[in-house]
Structure formats: structure tokens, C-alpha cells
Amino acid sequence: MKLLSVSCGLPRDVEWHGRVVSTGIFKQPVEGRVALRKLNLDGDRQADLTVHGGEDKAVYCYPFEHYAFWKSELPGRELPLGQFGENFTTQGKDLFEDSVHLGDRLSIGSAEIVVTQPRLPCYKLGIRFGDDQMPKRFLASRRTGFYVSVAREGEVAAGDDIRLVSRDPIRVPLPAITHLYVAKHYSPDDLAILEKALAVPALPESWKKYLRARRDQTLS
């Protein structure tokens, strides 16, 4: 597993449908070693901290292999690394969504990170692509990437190896969490996965609150 690219960007104001929107989704690859801290990479910021950023979303990771899919879906479009707003463009099938679990711990450079949640795209992905339908297409593809928290601060750079430090013992795969978000109704199997997810320390409290509410609604 490899860190193919590190991308950063500061919030900028863009005009979208007649209004000015501040967004940090425009990321560009950077060279050299970059300090990874509890909240983000040096040189990277998020615009709306109510839904982006924070310790549970310090870094967004996206597999490079997914770019081939999007090039076929979006023929003729330039897709430079960082196009999906990711900080880390990763390489290696062991970092695909169906191979990663909540709470998995990874080392990159001198830092360690912990998988916290899948990405749920907002309308700003549509701004990045100039297409309001892009968030829906992105979520439907299930090629969402994932967010991580920083367990140990350090420095990272493109070309660093990514190593698995430990698997979370509960082993809830990321697609299961995405399914729990989009499913209109929960089956008994869904409820069983939900209970497992609630027991994972790395899953943010905001997610746990949402899942408890969905569970209680299903059981009422």
C-alpha cells in the first residue's frame, strides 16, 4: 500500500447558482514532507466546520484506482489527483472501501491514523465538478473513500508506504456504514450490524447518535 499523493488547499469563495460559497474542496498535490496534525495537514483547511474537518475528519483518503472508473464515467474530463477533494490519494486494493474497517489503524511516514467513517458527499462536490448530480452519482458508485483521525502526529509525503498497524476487533466494514445511511428500512441483519458499529470506539458520536435514532425508529 502506498501514499501516491498528498493534496492540500485553503478555502476559497466561488460563485454557484448565483450565490457565493466558501469551500475547501479544491485540493492540489504538494511536494515534500508535510506535517500531519490532529486537525489537518499543514496548508489544508476546511470551510464549513459544522460538517467538515475536526478530529474525526482530519484527513480524507481516496483510492487512486477509482480514477479509472470515473474516467470511463466522465469521458474527456481532466481528473488530476485531488479532484475528489481528497488529501491522501492511496494506492493498493487493501485500501478499497470493502477492505477497510472502522477503527483500523494505519501508519504513514512517521504518523498513525485511524479509520473513522466513509465519506458522504455534499453539494460542494457538485461545485468541484460543475455538476449538481455529481454527489448522487458519487454516493451511488459506492466509491466513497474514507476519513481518518490522527492517532499520532508526524510527517507524510507522496511515496510513503502505508502499513496496517492493527485491525479493529469488531471489524465493521465501511460499506456497511454507508448502507445504514442510505437504507430506507432496516432488516434484522442491518440492526445487528448497527449494534456492532455502535460498539466501535472510532465511530464518531454524531454517527452513533444518527444510528441510535434510526434503530429506535425501526423498533418503535
Protein backbone atom coordinates (compact mmCIF):
# COMPACT_ATOMS: atom_id res chain seq x y z
CA MET A 1 0.00 0.00 0.00
CA LYS A 2 1.32 3.40 -0.94
CA LEU A 3 0.57 7.09 -0.45
CA LEU A 4 0.54 8.22 -4.05
CA SER A 5 -0.18 11.91 -3.50
CA VAL A 6 -0.71 14.44 -0.70
CA SER A 7 -3.09 17.27 -1.57
CA CYS A 8 -3.92 20.42 0.37
CA GLY A 9 -5.97 23.54 -0.17
CA LEU A 10 -7.31 26.58 1.65
CA PRO A 11 -10.96 27.70 1.48
CA ARG A 12 -11.89 29.90 -1.44
CA ASP A 13 -15.04 31.76 -2.42
CA VAL A 14 -16.74 30.57 -5.60
CA GLU A 15 -19.99 31.61 -7.25
CA TRP A 16 -22.53 28.81 -7.53
CA HIS A 17 -26.10 29.27 -8.74
CA GLY A 18 -25.98 32.98 -8.13
CA ARG A 19 -24.51 32.95 -4.64
CA VAL A 20 -21.03 32.98 -3.18
CA VAL A 21 -19.98 29.76 -1.43
CA SER A 22 -16.85 29.22 0.63
CA THR A 23 -15.32 25.79 0.06
CA GLY A 24 -12.08 23.95 0.75
CA ILE A 25 -12.71 21.17 -1.76
CA PHE A 26 -10.18 22.48 -4.27
CA LYS A 27 -7.09 20.46 -3.32
CA GLN A 28 -3.80 20.29 -5.20
CA PRO A 29 -0.86 17.91 -4.78
CA VAL A 30 2.04 19.29 -2.77
CA GLU A 31 5.69 18.28 -2.79
CA GLY A 32 7.93 17.35 0.09
CA ARG A 33 7.12 16.21 3.59
CA VAL A 34 4.03 17.71 5.22
CA ALA A 35 3.20 17.84 8.91
CA LEU A 36 0.05 15.90 9.81
CA ARG A 37 -1.57 17.25 12.95
CA LYS A 38 -4.68 16.37 14.94
CA LEU A 39 -6.99 18.56 12.88
CA ASN A 40 -5.45 18.52 9.40
CA LEU A 41 -2.34 18.73 7.29
CA ASP A 42 -0.29 21.90 7.31
CA GLY A 43 -1.55 24.03 4.45
CA ASP A 44 -5.00 22.46 4.43
CA ARG A 45 -8.22 23.84 5.87
CA GLN A 46 -11.98 23.26 5.66
CA ALA A 47 -14.55 25.98 5.11
CA ASP A 48 -17.67 24.80 6.95
CA LEU A 49 -16.51 23.23 10.20
CA THR A 50 -20.06 22.21 11.14
CA VAL A 51 -19.88 19.36 8.62
CA HIS A 52 -16.23 19.19 7.55
CA GLY A 53 -12.97 18.87 9.40
CA GLY A 54 -12.48 18.25 13.10
CA GLU A 55 -10.52 15.43 14.70
CA ASP A 56 -12.75 12.71 13.22
CA LYS A 57 -12.27 14.09 9.69
CA ALA A 58 -8.67 15.24 9.87
CA VAL A 59 -7.79 13.67 6.52
CA TYR A 60 -9.81 12.33 3.61
CA CYS A 61 -8.40 9.30 1.75
CA TYR A 62 -9.41 8.19 -1.75
CA PRO A 63 -8.10 5.22 -3.77
CA PHE A 64 -6.27 6.09 -6.95
CA GLU A 65 -7.72 3.01 -8.63
CA HIS A 66 -11.18 4.62 -8.58
CA TYR A 67 -9.98 7.26 -11.02
CA ALA A 68 -10.17 4.73 -13.87
CA PHE A 69 -13.87 4.22 -13.13
CA TRP A 70 -14.55 7.95 -13.15
CA LYS A 71 -12.60 8.47 -16.36
CA SER A 72 -14.96 6.00 -18.02
CA GLU A 73 -17.98 7.67 -16.41
CA LEU A 74 -16.81 11.19 -17.29
CA PRO A 75 -15.14 10.80 -20.70
CA GLY A 76 -12.97 13.67 -21.82
CA ARG A 77 -12.76 15.24 -18.40
CA GLU A 78 -9.43 16.03 -16.80
CA LEU A 79 -9.11 14.31 -13.42
CA PRO A 80 -5.95 15.47 -11.67
CA LEU A 81 -5.11 13.89 -8.32
CA GLY A 82 -7.04 15.61 -5.55
CA GLN A 83 -10.04 16.11 -7.84
CA PHE A 84 -12.41 14.48 -5.36
CA GLY A 85 -11.24 16.71 -2.53
CA GLU A 86 -9.03 14.03 -1.04
CA ASN A 87 -5.92 14.77 0.98
CA PHE A 88 -4.40 11.32 0.52
CA THR A 89 -4.64 9.58 -2.84
CA THR A 90 -3.84 6.00 -1.91
CA GLN A 91 -2.71 3.04 -3.97
CA GLY A 92 -3.43 -0.60 -3.17
CA LYS A 93 -6.55 -2.74 -3.15
CA ASP A 94 -6.26 -3.29 0.60
CA LEU A 95 -7.37 0.34 0.95
CA PHE A 96 -10.56 -0.12 -1.06
CA GLU A 97 -13.73 0.53 0.93
CA ASP A 98 -14.68 -3.14 1.21
CA SER A 99 -11.26 -4.00 2.68
CA VAL A 100 -11.20 -1.29 5.34
CA HIS A 101 -12.97 -1.38 8.70
CA LEU A 102 -13.98 1.26 11.20
CA GLY A 103 -11.18 1.59 13.71
CA ASP A 104 -8.42 0.13 11.55
CA ARG A 105 -5.08 1.77 12.40
CA LEU A 106 -2.56 2.60 9.67
CA SER A 107 0.92 4.08 9.68
CA ILE A 108 2.11 6.58 7.05
CA GLY A 109 5.52 8.16 7.32
CA SER A 110 6.02 8.97 10.99
CA ALA A 111 2.26 9.35 11.63
CA GLU A 112 -0.51 6.93 12.54
CA ILE A 113 -4.15 7.33 11.51
CA VAL A 114 -7.42 5.59 12.42
CA VAL A 115 -10.33 4.98 10.04
CA THR A 116 -13.44 6.75 11.37
CA GLN A 117 -16.15 6.83 8.69
CA PRO A 118 -16.99 6.70 4.99
CA ARG A 119 -17.44 9.93 3.09
CA LEU A 120 -20.94 11.22 2.48
CA PRO A 121 -20.62 13.77 -0.33
CA CYS A 122 -22.29 17.17 -0.05
CA TYR A 123 -23.25 19.68 -2.74
CA LYS A 124 -19.71 21.07 -2.79
CA LEU A 125 -18.55 18.02 -4.73
CA GLY A 126 -21.02 19.25 -7.35
CA ILE A 127 -19.30 22.63 -7.29
CA ARG A 128 -15.93 20.98 -7.85
CA PHE A 129 -17.27 19.16 -10.91
CA GLY A 130 -19.68 21.86 -12.05
CA ASP A 131 -22.50 19.32 -11.87
CA ASP A 132 -25.30 19.20 -9.28
CA GLN A 133 -25.79 15.48 -9.93
CA MET A 134 -22.24 14.53 -9.02
CA PRO A 135 -22.86 13.96 -5.28
CA LYS A 136 -25.64 11.47 -6.07
CA ARG A 137 -23.54 9.69 -8.67
CA PHE A 138 -20.61 9.57 -6.28
CA LEU A 139 -22.62 8.04 -3.45
CA ALA A 140 -24.36 5.58 -5.79
CA SER A 141 -20.97 4.38 -7.06
CA ARG A 142 -20.04 3.31 -3.50
CA ARG A 143 -16.54 4.57 -4.32
CA THR A 144 -16.62 6.99 -1.42
CA GLY A 145 -13.21 6.80 0.19
CA PHE A 146 -12.96 7.37 3.93
CA TYR A 147 -12.00 9.78 6.68
CA VAL A 148 -9.40 9.22 9.36
CA SER A 149 -8.40 10.71 12.67
CA VAL A 150 -4.78 11.22 13.68
CA ALA A 151 -3.61 8.88 16.43
CA ARG A 152 -0.01 10.08 16.25
CA GLU A 153 1.11 13.30 14.63
CA GLY A 154 4.02 13.11 12.23
CA GLU A 155 5.18 13.91 8.72
CA VAL A 156 3.98 12.34 5.48
CA ALA A 157 4.91 12.61 1.82
CA ALA A 158 3.94 11.17 -1.54
CA GLY A 159 5.71 7.84 -1.95
CA ASP A 160 5.45 6.80 1.69
CA ASP A 161 4.39 3.24 2.39
CA ILE A 162 1.08 2.74 4.15
CA ARG A 163 1.15 -0.12 6.63
CA LEU A 164 -1.60 -1.78 8.60
CA VAL A 165 -0.83 -1.44 12.30
CA SER A 166 -3.94 -3.20 13.63
CA ARG A 167 -7.44 -4.26 12.67
CA ASP A 168 -10.32 -3.19 14.83
CA PRO A 169 -11.54 -6.37 16.57
CA ILE A 170 -15.21 -5.70 15.79
CA ARG A 171 -14.49 -5.47 12.05
CA VAL A 172 -17.34 -3.38 10.71
CA PRO A 173 -16.60 -2.75 7.01
CA LEU A 174 -17.09 0.74 5.62
CA PRO A 175 -19.76 -0.23 3.04
CA ALA A 176 -21.96 -1.43 5.90
CA ILE A 177 -21.96 2.07 7.36
CA THR A 178 -22.77 3.64 4.01
CA HIS A 179 -25.64 1.16 3.63
CA LEU A 180 -27.00 2.04 7.06
CA TYR A 181 -27.07 5.66 5.99
CA VAL A 182 -28.86 5.20 2.67
CA ALA A 183 -31.21 2.31 3.56
CA LYS A 184 -34.84 3.37 3.93
CA HIS A 185 -35.69 0.36 6.08
CA TYR A 186 -33.55 -1.79 8.36
CA SER A 187 -33.65 -5.57 8.27
CA PRO A 188 -32.68 -7.71 11.28
CA ASP A 189 -29.24 -8.11 9.71
CA ASP A 190 -28.95 -4.33 9.40
CA LEU A 191 -29.81 -3.92 13.07
CA ALA A 192 -27.16 -6.46 14.01
CA ILE A 193 -24.51 -4.54 12.06
CA LEU A 194 -25.76 -1.31 13.61
CA GLU A 195 -25.20 -2.65 17.11
CA LYS A 196 -21.69 -3.71 16.18
CA ALA A 197 -20.96 -0.27 14.75
CA LEU A 198 -22.15 1.40 17.96
CA ALA A 199 -19.51 -0.59 19.84
CA VAL A 200 -16.61 0.70 17.72
CA PRO A 201 -14.78 3.45 19.65
CA ALA A 202 -13.52 5.12 16.46
CA LEU A 203 -17.01 5.78 15.06
CA PRO A 204 -17.80 9.45 15.80
CA GLU A 205 -20.55 10.27 18.28
CA SER A 206 -22.51 12.12 15.59
CA TRP A 207 -22.77 8.85 13.65
CA LYS A 208 -23.73 6.93 16.77
CA LYS A 209 -26.49 9.43 17.53
CA TYR A 210 -27.83 9.04 14.00
CA LEU A 211 -27.73 5.24 14.14
CA ARG A 212 -29.43 5.09 17.55
CA ALA A 213 -32.23 7.28 16.22
CA ARG A 214 -32.69 5.06 13.16
CA ARG A 215 -32.66 1.95 15.36
CA ASP A 216 -35.24 3.37 17.75
CA GLN A 217 -37.41 4.42 14.81
CA THR A 218 -37.22 0.91 13.35
CA LEU A 219 -38.09 -0.78 16.63
CA SER A 220 -40.90 1.58 17.63
